[in-house]
Amino acid sequence: CLVSVEMCIRDCGNLVLFFFQAEDGIRDFCLSRGLGDVYKRQIQMNYESLSSLFGWIYFTAWSISFYGQLYENWRLKHVKGYSLDFQTYNFTGFLFYCIYNTVGYQDHSAGVGIVSLADVAFAWHAIFITTLTSVQVLYYPKGDNKVSHTCKVLTLVFWGLPITYILLTNVLGLIQPTAYLNLWILLGYIKLCISFIKYTPQAYFCLLYTSPSPRDRQKSRMPSSA
């Protein structure tokens, strides 16, 4: 949009025309739009590029880390040294995280904050690999390995919270979702809680199955996730 301003200089009898190039979409009065705004936009673009780069580095590093345990289970053809509590927490956590990121990426009004494509890709990849590991756990011999009662109770709580929330809000209409707590935010909090506790049983298994004897290490194994 070209804006022309006519100014008459009476002393010289000349007519001076000034032409200003306005930015697209800017029609409101603004006190100052100088080079500072241009620099700010450049800095913002640089931050966005760095954020995207680090996001994909995060996706690559964490995604590669999943394959060690998957390969180890396939190589040994058993999961005797792999914590089933860890696997149970992992599946629940990544499933909720996948829903959280997918909804947040598609619906910016969901209240989950900024979700990038790298976050969505990581969540879907994580639940895919975790599902494959779950199939290995169901198929390969487990020995005396089993899910603990504590893990069963906590998993029921983790699944019961969103189900109860849906019943109270969407089915019965007893409470209304708020900007600070809706179903998606609740799933995110559950995933955060699982992230804090899920490594404890696997760390215990790493200590339990560590042995200086090569013969014992053939019977049991140090999980690769150690």
C-alpha atoms as a PDB file:
ATOM      1  CA  CYS A   1       0.000   0.000   0.000  1.00  0.00           C
ATOM      2  CA  LEU A   2       1.555   3.309  -1.076  1.00  0.00           C
ATOM      3  CA  VAL A   3       0.740   6.328   1.065  1.00  0.00           C
ATOM      4  CA  SER A   4       1.484   9.715  -0.480  1.00  0.00           C
ATOM      5  CA  VAL A   5       1.798  12.862   1.569  1.00  0.00           C
ATOM      6  CA  GLU A   6       1.748  16.264  -0.097  1.00  0.00           C
ATOM      7  CA  MET A   7       3.673  19.084   1.555  1.00  0.00           C
ATOM      8  CA  CYS A   8       3.740  22.606   0.125  1.00  0.00           C
ATOM      9  CA  ILE A   9       6.803  24.706   0.844  1.00  0.00           C
ATOM     10  CA  ARG A  10       5.563  28.236   0.360  1.00  0.00           C
ATOM     11  CA  ASP A  11       8.946  29.950   0.559  1.00  0.00           C
ATOM     12  CA  CYS A  12      10.359  28.093  -2.411  1.00  0.00           C
ATOM     13  CA  GLY A  13       7.110  27.606  -4.251  1.00  0.00           C
ATOM     14  CA  ASN A  14       7.869  23.923  -4.717  1.00  0.00           C
ATOM     15  CA  LEU A  15       5.615  20.947  -4.222  1.00  0.00           C
ATOM     16  CA  VAL A  16       7.333  18.084  -2.436  1.00  0.00           C
ATOM     17  CA  LEU A  17       5.877  14.573  -2.555  1.00  0.00           C
ATOM     18  CA  PHE A  18       6.860  11.949  -0.037  1.00  0.00           C
ATOM     19  CA  PHE A  19       6.116   8.268  -0.682  1.00  0.00           C
ATOM     20  CA  PHE A  20       6.165   5.721   2.113  1.00  0.00           C
ATOM     21  CA  GLN A  21       5.951   1.951   1.670  1.00  0.00           C
ATOM     22  CA  ALA A  22       3.545   0.606   4.273  1.00  0.00           C
ATOM     23  CA  GLU A  23       3.670  -3.008   5.442  1.00  0.00           C
ATOM     24  CA  ASP A  24       0.929  -5.364   4.321  1.00  0.00           C
ATOM     25  CA  GLY A  25      -1.907  -5.622   6.774  1.00  0.00           C
ATOM     26  CA  ILE A  26      -0.886  -2.505   8.758  1.00  0.00           C
ATOM     27  CA  ARG A  27      -3.591   0.127   8.642  1.00  0.00           C
ATOM     28  CA  ASP A  28      -3.663   1.398  12.234  1.00  0.00           C
ATOM     29  CA  PHE A  29      -1.787   4.408  13.516  1.00  0.00           C
ATOM     30  CA  CYS A  30       1.573   3.523  15.063  1.00  0.00           C
ATOM     31  CA  LEU A  31       3.898   5.934  16.839  1.00  0.00           C
ATOM     32  CA  SER A  32       7.128   4.259  15.771  1.00  0.00           C
ATOM     33  CA  ARG A  33       7.996   1.470  13.347  1.00  0.00           C
ATOM     34  CA  GLY A  34      11.697   1.643  12.622  1.00  0.00           C
ATOM     35  CA  LEU A  35      14.689  -0.623  12.230  1.00  0.00           C
ATOM     36  CA  GLY A  36      14.236  -1.821  15.800  1.00  0.00           C
ATOM     37  CA  ASP A  37      11.116  -3.745  14.803  1.00  0.00           C
ATOM     38  CA  VAL A  38      12.989  -5.314  11.893  1.00  0.00           C
ATOM     39  CA  TYR A  39      15.787  -6.475  14.216  1.00  0.00           C
ATOM     40  CA  LYS A  40      13.244  -7.853  16.674  1.00  0.00           C
ATOM     41  CA  ARG A  41      11.618  -9.898  13.922  1.00  0.00           C
ATOM     42  CA  GLN A  42      15.010 -11.208  12.809  1.00  0.00           C
ATOM     43  CA  ILE A  43      15.903 -12.239  16.378  1.00  0.00           C
ATOM     44  CA  GLN A  44      12.517 -13.922  16.753  1.00  0.00           C
ATOM     45  CA  MET A  45      13.061 -15.843  13.511  1.00  0.00           C
ATOM     46  CA  ASN A  46      16.505 -16.943  14.732  1.00  0.00           C
ATOM     47  CA  TYR A  47      15.023 -18.165  18.017  1.00  0.00           C
ATOM     48  CA  GLU A  48      12.335 -20.101  16.162  1.00  0.00           C
ATOM     49  CA  SER A  49      14.951 -21.724  13.924  1.00  0.00           C
ATOM     50  CA  LEU A  50      17.102 -22.718  16.905  1.00  0.00           C
ATOM     51  CA  SER A  51      14.066 -24.036  18.746  1.00  0.00           C
ATOM     52  CA  SER A  52      13.099 -26.165  15.759  1.00  0.00           C
ATOM     53  CA  LEU A  53      16.679 -27.444  15.375  1.00  0.00           C
ATOM     54  CA  PHE A  54      16.981 -28.438  19.040  1.00  0.00           C
ATOM     55  CA  GLY A  55      13.524 -30.018  18.870  1.00  0.00           C
ATOM     56  CA  TRP A  56      14.566 -32.364  16.069  1.00  0.00           C
ATOM     57  CA  ILE A  57      17.878 -33.141  17.811  1.00  0.00           C
ATOM     58  CA  TYR A  58      15.827 -34.078  20.884  1.00  0.00           C
ATOM     59  CA  PHE A  59      13.567 -36.236  18.724  1.00  0.00           C
ATOM     60  CA  THR A  60      16.528 -38.041  17.132  1.00  0.00           C
ATOM     61  CA  ALA A  61      18.446 -38.665  20.373  1.00  0.00           C
ATOM     62  CA  TRP A  62      15.486 -39.968  22.354  1.00  0.00           C
ATOM     63  CA  SER A  63      14.099 -41.995  19.450  1.00  0.00           C
ATOM     64  CA  ILE A  64      17.399 -43.827  18.989  1.00  0.00           C
ATOM     65  CA  SER A  65      17.478 -44.663  22.695  1.00  0.00           C
ATOM     66  CA  PHE A  66      14.341 -46.818  22.370  1.00  0.00           C
ATOM     67  CA  TYR A  67      15.905 -49.357  20.027  1.00  0.00           C
ATOM     68  CA  GLY A  68      18.515 -50.714  22.450  1.00  0.00           C
ATOM     69  CA  GLN A  69      15.972 -52.471  24.644  1.00  0.00           C
ATOM     70  CA  LEU A  70      13.967 -53.624  21.648  1.00  0.00           C
ATOM     71  CA  TYR A  71      17.062 -55.214  20.118  1.00  0.00           C
ATOM     72  CA  GLU A  72      18.193 -56.708  23.425  1.00  0.00           C
ATOM     73  CA  ASN A  73      14.847 -58.434  23.939  1.00  0.00           C
ATOM     74  CA  TRP A  74      14.961 -59.832  20.401  1.00  0.00           C
ATOM     75  CA  ARG A  75      18.573 -61.013  20.754  1.00  0.00           C
ATOM     76  CA  LEU A  76      18.069 -62.843  24.046  1.00  0.00           C
ATOM     77  CA  LYS A  77      14.532 -64.028  23.281  1.00  0.00           C
ATOM     78  CA  HIS A  78      13.376 -63.343  26.844  1.00  0.00           C
ATOM     79  CA  VAL A  79      12.514 -60.407  29.079  1.00  0.00           C
ATOM     80  CA  LYS A  80      13.584 -61.838  32.430  1.00  0.00           C
ATOM     81  CA  GLY A  81      15.721 -58.825  33.306  1.00  0.00           C
ATOM     82  CA  TYR A  82      13.352 -56.185  31.971  1.00  0.00           C
ATOM     83  CA  SER A  83      11.095 -54.451  34.468  1.00  0.00           C
ATOM     84  CA  LEU A  84       7.454 -55.006  33.573  1.00  0.00           C
ATOM     85  CA  ASP A  85       6.546 -52.103  35.850  1.00  0.00           C
ATOM     86  CA  PHE A  86       8.709 -49.839  33.710  1.00  0.00           C
ATOM     87  CA  GLN A  87       7.043 -51.120  30.562  1.00  0.00           C
ATOM     88  CA  THR A  88       3.545 -50.641  32.005  1.00  0.00           C
ATOM     89  CA  TYR A  89       4.297 -47.069  33.062  1.00  0.00           C
ATOM     90  CA  ASN A  90       5.951 -46.393  29.701  1.00  0.00           C
ATOM     91  CA  PHE A  91       2.979 -47.519  27.639  1.00  0.00           C
ATOM     92  CA  THR A  92       0.461 -45.528  29.680  1.00  0.00           C
ATOM     93  CA  GLY A  93       2.644 -42.433  29.787  1.00  0.00           C
ATOM     94  CA  PHE A  94       3.478 -42.320  26.085  1.00  0.00           C
ATOM     95  CA  LEU A  95      -0.107 -43.033  25.078  1.00  0.00           C
ATOM     96  CA  PHE A  96      -1.320 -40.060  27.120  1.00  0.00           C
ATOM     97  CA  TYR A  97       1.599 -37.961  25.863  1.00  0.00           C
ATOM     98  CA  CYS A  98       0.707 -38.822  22.270  1.00  0.00           C
ATOM     99  CA  ILE A  99      -2.880 -37.663  22.780  1.00  0.00           C
ATOM    100  CA  TYR A 100      -1.686 -34.524  24.583  1.00  0.00           C
ATOM    101  CA  ASN A 101       0.715 -33.483  21.814  1.00  0.00           C
ATOM    102  CA  THR A 102      -1.556 -34.385  18.910  1.00  0.00           C
ATOM    103  CA  VAL A 103      -4.476 -32.370  20.266  1.00  0.00           C
ATOM    104  CA  GLY A 104      -2.215 -29.463  21.245  1.00  0.00           C
ATOM    105  CA  TYR A 105      -0.650 -29.336  17.780  1.00  0.00           C
ATOM    106  CA  GLN A 106      -3.986 -29.373  15.949  1.00  0.00           C
ATOM    107  CA  ASP A 107      -5.983 -27.196  18.356  1.00  0.00           C
ATOM    108  CA  HIS A 108      -4.155 -24.143  19.707  1.00  0.00           C
ATOM    109  CA  SER A 109      -7.084 -23.381  22.007  1.00  0.00           C
ATOM    110  CA  ALA A 110      -6.645 -26.671  23.892  1.00  0.00           C
ATOM    111  CA  GLY A 111      -4.582 -24.890  26.529  1.00  0.00           C
ATOM    112  CA  VAL A 112      -1.542 -27.184  26.388  1.00  0.00           C
ATOM    113  CA  GLY A 113       0.886 -24.505  25.212  1.00  0.00           C
ATOM    114  CA  ILE A 114       3.088 -24.498  22.131  1.00  0.00           C
ATOM    115  CA  VAL A 115       3.489 -27.948  20.551  1.00  0.00           C
ATOM    116  CA  SER A 116       5.892 -28.378  17.629  1.00  0.00           C
ATOM    117  CA  LEU A 117       5.890 -31.001  14.915  1.00  0.00           C
ATOM    118  CA  ALA A 118       8.962 -32.604  16.512  1.00  0.00           C
ATOM    119  CA  ASP A 119       6.970 -33.129  19.723  1.00  0.00           C
ATOM    120  CA  VAL A 120       4.189 -34.876  17.827  1.00  0.00           C
ATOM    121  CA  ALA A 121       6.638 -37.019  15.850  1.00  0.00           C
ATOM    122  CA  PHE A 122       8.462 -38.076  19.016  1.00  0.00           C
ATOM    123  CA  ALA A 123       5.227 -38.981  20.814  1.00  0.00           C
ATOM    124  CA  TRP A 124       3.933 -41.147  17.939  1.00  0.00           C
ATOM    125  CA  HIS A 125       7.306 -42.836  17.491  1.00  0.00           C
ATOM    126  CA  ALA A 126       7.544 -43.474  21.236  1.00  0.00           C
ATOM    127  CA  ILE A 127       4.132 -45.131  21.462  1.00  0.00           C
ATOM    128  CA  PHE A 128       4.915 -47.207  18.358  1.00  0.00           C
ATOM    129  CA  ILE A 129       8.186 -48.591  19.761  1.00  0.00           C
ATOM    130  CA  THR A 130       6.641 -49.035  23.214  1.00  0.00           C
ATOM    131  CA  THR A 131       3.839 -51.064  21.641  1.00  0.00           C
ATOM    132  CA  LEU A 132       6.379 -53.305  19.895  1.00  0.00           C
ATOM    133  CA  THR A 133       8.167 -53.786  23.215  1.00  0.00           C
ATOM    134  CA  SER A 134       4.841 -54.684  24.829  1.00  0.00           C
ATOM    135  CA  VAL A 135       4.353 -57.378  22.193  1.00  0.00           C
ATOM    136  CA  GLN A 136       7.794 -58.750  23.074  1.00  0.00           C
ATOM    137  CA  VAL A 137       6.856 -58.781  26.762  1.00  0.00           C
ATOM    138  CA  LEU A 138       3.705 -60.756  25.989  1.00  0.00           C
ATOM    139  CA  TYR A 139       5.475 -63.206  23.662  1.00  0.00           C
ATOM    140  CA  TYR A 140       8.916 -63.878  25.206  1.00  0.00           C
ATOM    141  CA  PRO A 141       9.480 -65.880  28.412  1.00  0.00           C
ATOM    142  CA  LYS A 142       9.361 -63.743  31.529  1.00  0.00           C
ATOM    143  CA  GLY A 143      10.459 -66.231  34.183  1.00  0.00           C
ATOM    144  CA  ASP A 144       9.430 -64.978  37.613  1.00  0.00           C
ATOM    145  CA  ASN A 145       9.173 -61.449  36.282  1.00  0.00           C
ATOM    146  CA  LYS A 146       5.747 -59.874  36.806  1.00  0.00           C
ATOM    147  CA  VAL A 147       3.989 -56.555  37.334  1.00  0.00           C
ATOM    148  CA  SER A 148       4.050 -55.457  40.975  1.00  0.00           C
ATOM    149  CA  HIS A 149       0.936 -54.691  42.993  1.00  0.00           C
ATOM    150  CA  THR A 150       2.102 -51.079  43.394  1.00  0.00           C
ATOM    151  CA  CYS A 151       2.326 -50.658  39.636  1.00  0.00           C
ATOM    152  CA  LYS A 152      -1.135 -52.175  39.170  1.00  0.00           C
ATOM    153  CA  VAL A 153      -2.680 -49.787  41.677  1.00  0.00           C
ATOM    154  CA  LEU A 154      -0.944 -46.708  40.250  1.00  0.00           C
ATOM    155  CA  THR A 155      -1.851 -47.682  36.683  1.00  0.00           C
ATOM    156  CA  LEU A 156      -5.509 -48.011  37.685  1.00  0.00           C
ATOM    157  CA  VAL A 157      -5.293 -44.536  39.238  1.00  0.00           C
ATOM    158  CA  PHE A 158      -3.642 -43.091  36.108  1.00  0.00           C
ATOM    159  CA  TRP A 159      -6.380 -44.520  33.890  1.00  0.00           C
ATOM    160  CA  GLY A 160      -9.153 -43.802  36.379  1.00  0.00           C
ATOM    161  CA  LEU A 161      -8.453 -40.071  36.587  1.00  0.00           C
ATOM    162  CA  PRO A 162      -9.213 -39.189  32.924  1.00  0.00           C
ATOM    163  CA  ILE A 163     -12.161 -41.617  32.818  1.00  0.00           C
ATOM    164  CA  THR A 164     -13.634 -40.005  35.939  1.00  0.00           C
ATOM    165  CA  TYR A 165     -13.000 -36.552  34.504  1.00  0.00           C
ATOM    166  CA  ILE A 166     -14.858 -37.438  31.288  1.00  0.00           C
ATOM    167  CA  LEU A 167     -17.796 -38.788  33.285  1.00  0.00           C
ATOM    168  CA  LEU A 168     -18.003 -35.667  35.458  1.00  0.00           C
ATOM    169  CA  THR A 169     -17.680 -33.194  32.578  1.00  0.00           C
ATOM    170  CA  ASN A 170     -18.974 -34.626  29.296  1.00  0.00           C
ATOM    171  CA  VAL A 171     -21.384 -37.312  30.533  1.00  0.00           C
ATOM    172  CA  LEU A 172     -22.899 -36.047  33.780  1.00  0.00           C
ATOM    173  CA  GLY A 173     -22.080 -32.361  33.339  1.00  0.00           C
ATOM    174  CA  LEU A 174     -21.385 -31.887  37.043  1.00  0.00           C
ATOM    175  CA  ILE A 175     -18.255 -29.781  36.498  1.00  0.00           C
ATOM    176  CA  GLN A 176     -17.028 -27.548  33.704  1.00  0.00           C
ATOM    177  CA  PRO A 177     -13.519 -27.661  32.227  1.00  0.00           C
ATOM    178  CA  THR A 178     -11.421 -24.611  32.997  1.00  0.00           C
ATOM    179  CA  ALA A 179      -8.521 -22.910  31.253  1.00  0.00           C
ATOM    180  CA  TYR A 180      -6.186 -24.408  33.838  1.00  0.00           C
ATOM    181  CA  LEU A 181      -7.507 -27.966  33.794  1.00  0.00           C
ATOM    182  CA  ASN A 182      -9.128 -29.814  30.933  1.00  0.00           C
ATOM    183  CA  LEU A 183      -8.807 -33.409  29.748  1.00  0.00           C
ATOM    184  CA  TRP A 184      -5.670 -32.746  27.705  1.00  0.00           C
ATOM    185  CA  ILE A 185      -3.890 -30.883  30.496  1.00  0.00           C
ATOM    186  CA  LEU A 186      -4.822 -33.683  32.897  1.00  0.00           C
ATOM    187  CA  LEU A 187      -3.220 -36.245  30.566  1.00  0.00           C
ATOM    188  CA  GLY A 188      -0.090 -34.093  30.468  1.00  0.00           C
ATOM    189  CA  TYR A 189       0.120 -33.986  34.270  1.00  0.00           C
ATOM    190  CA  ILE A 190      -0.287 -37.765  34.460  1.00  0.00           C
ATOM    191  CA  LYS A 191       2.549 -38.215  31.949  1.00  0.00           C
ATOM    192  CA  LEU A 192       4.721 -35.881  34.023  1.00  0.00           C
ATOM    193  CA  CYS A 193       3.993 -37.909  37.154  1.00  0.00           C
ATOM    194  CA  ILE A 194       4.807 -41.170  35.367  1.00  0.00           C
ATOM    195  CA  SER A 195       8.126 -39.733  34.164  1.00  0.00           C
ATOM    196  CA  PHE A 196       9.162 -39.153  37.774  1.00  0.00           C
ATOM    197  CA  ILE A 197       8.386 -42.657  39.021  1.00  0.00           C
ATOM    198  CA  LYS A 198       8.858 -45.030  36.074  1.00  0.00           C
ATOM    199  CA  TYR A 199      12.655 -45.303  36.276  1.00  0.00           C
ATOM    200  CA  THR A 200      12.618 -46.521  39.888  1.00  0.00           C
ATOM    201  CA  PRO A 201      11.625 -50.165  39.177  1.00  0.00           C
ATOM    202  CA  GLN A 202      14.039 -50.403  36.234  1.00  0.00           C
ATOM    203  CA  ALA A 203      16.890 -49.092  38.375  1.00  0.00           C
ATOM    204  CA  TYR A 204      16.061 -51.775  40.941  1.00  0.00           C
ATOM    205  CA  PHE A 205      16.187 -54.458  38.251  1.00  0.00           C
ATOM    206  CA  CYS A 206      19.534 -53.165  37.023  1.00  0.00           C
ATOM    207  CA  LEU A 207      20.990 -53.675  40.510  1.00  0.00           C
ATOM    208  CA  LEU A 208      19.227 -57.002  41.012  1.00  0.00           C
ATOM    209  CA  TYR A 209      20.477 -58.555  37.772  1.00  0.00           C
ATOM    210  CA  THR A 210      24.036 -57.223  37.915  1.00  0.00           C
ATOM    211  CA  SER A 211      26.509 -59.987  38.692  1.00  0.00           C
ATOM    212  CA  PRO A 212      30.318 -60.323  38.370  1.00  0.00           C
ATOM    213  CA  SER A 213      29.930 -63.932  37.241  1.00  0.00           C
ATOM    214  CA  PRO A 214      29.729 -64.467  33.437  1.00  0.00           C
ATOM    215  CA  ARG A 215      27.742 -67.634  34.074  1.00  0.00           C
ATOM    216  CA  ASP A 216      25.140 -65.733  36.059  1.00  0.00           C
ATOM    217  CA  ARG A 217      24.978 -63.067  33.397  1.00  0.00           C
ATOM    218  CA  GLN A 218      23.924 -65.696  30.895  1.00  0.00           C
ATOM    219  CA  LYS A 219      21.054 -66.701  33.141  1.00  0.00           C
ATOM    220  CA  SER A 220      19.954 -63.153  33.741  1.00  0.00           C
ATOM    221  CA  ARG A 221      21.041 -59.903  32.224  1.00  0.00           C
ATOM    222  CA  MET A 222      21.612 -56.251  32.784  1.00  0.00           C
ATOM    223  CA  PRO A 223      18.836 -54.471  30.833  1.00  0.00           C
ATOM    224  CA  SER A 224      20.176 -52.252  28.069  1.00  0.00           C
ATOM    225  CA  SER A 225      18.174 -49.323  29.408  1.00  0.00           C
ATOM    226  CA  ALA A 226      20.635 -49.137  32.305  1.00  0.00           C
END
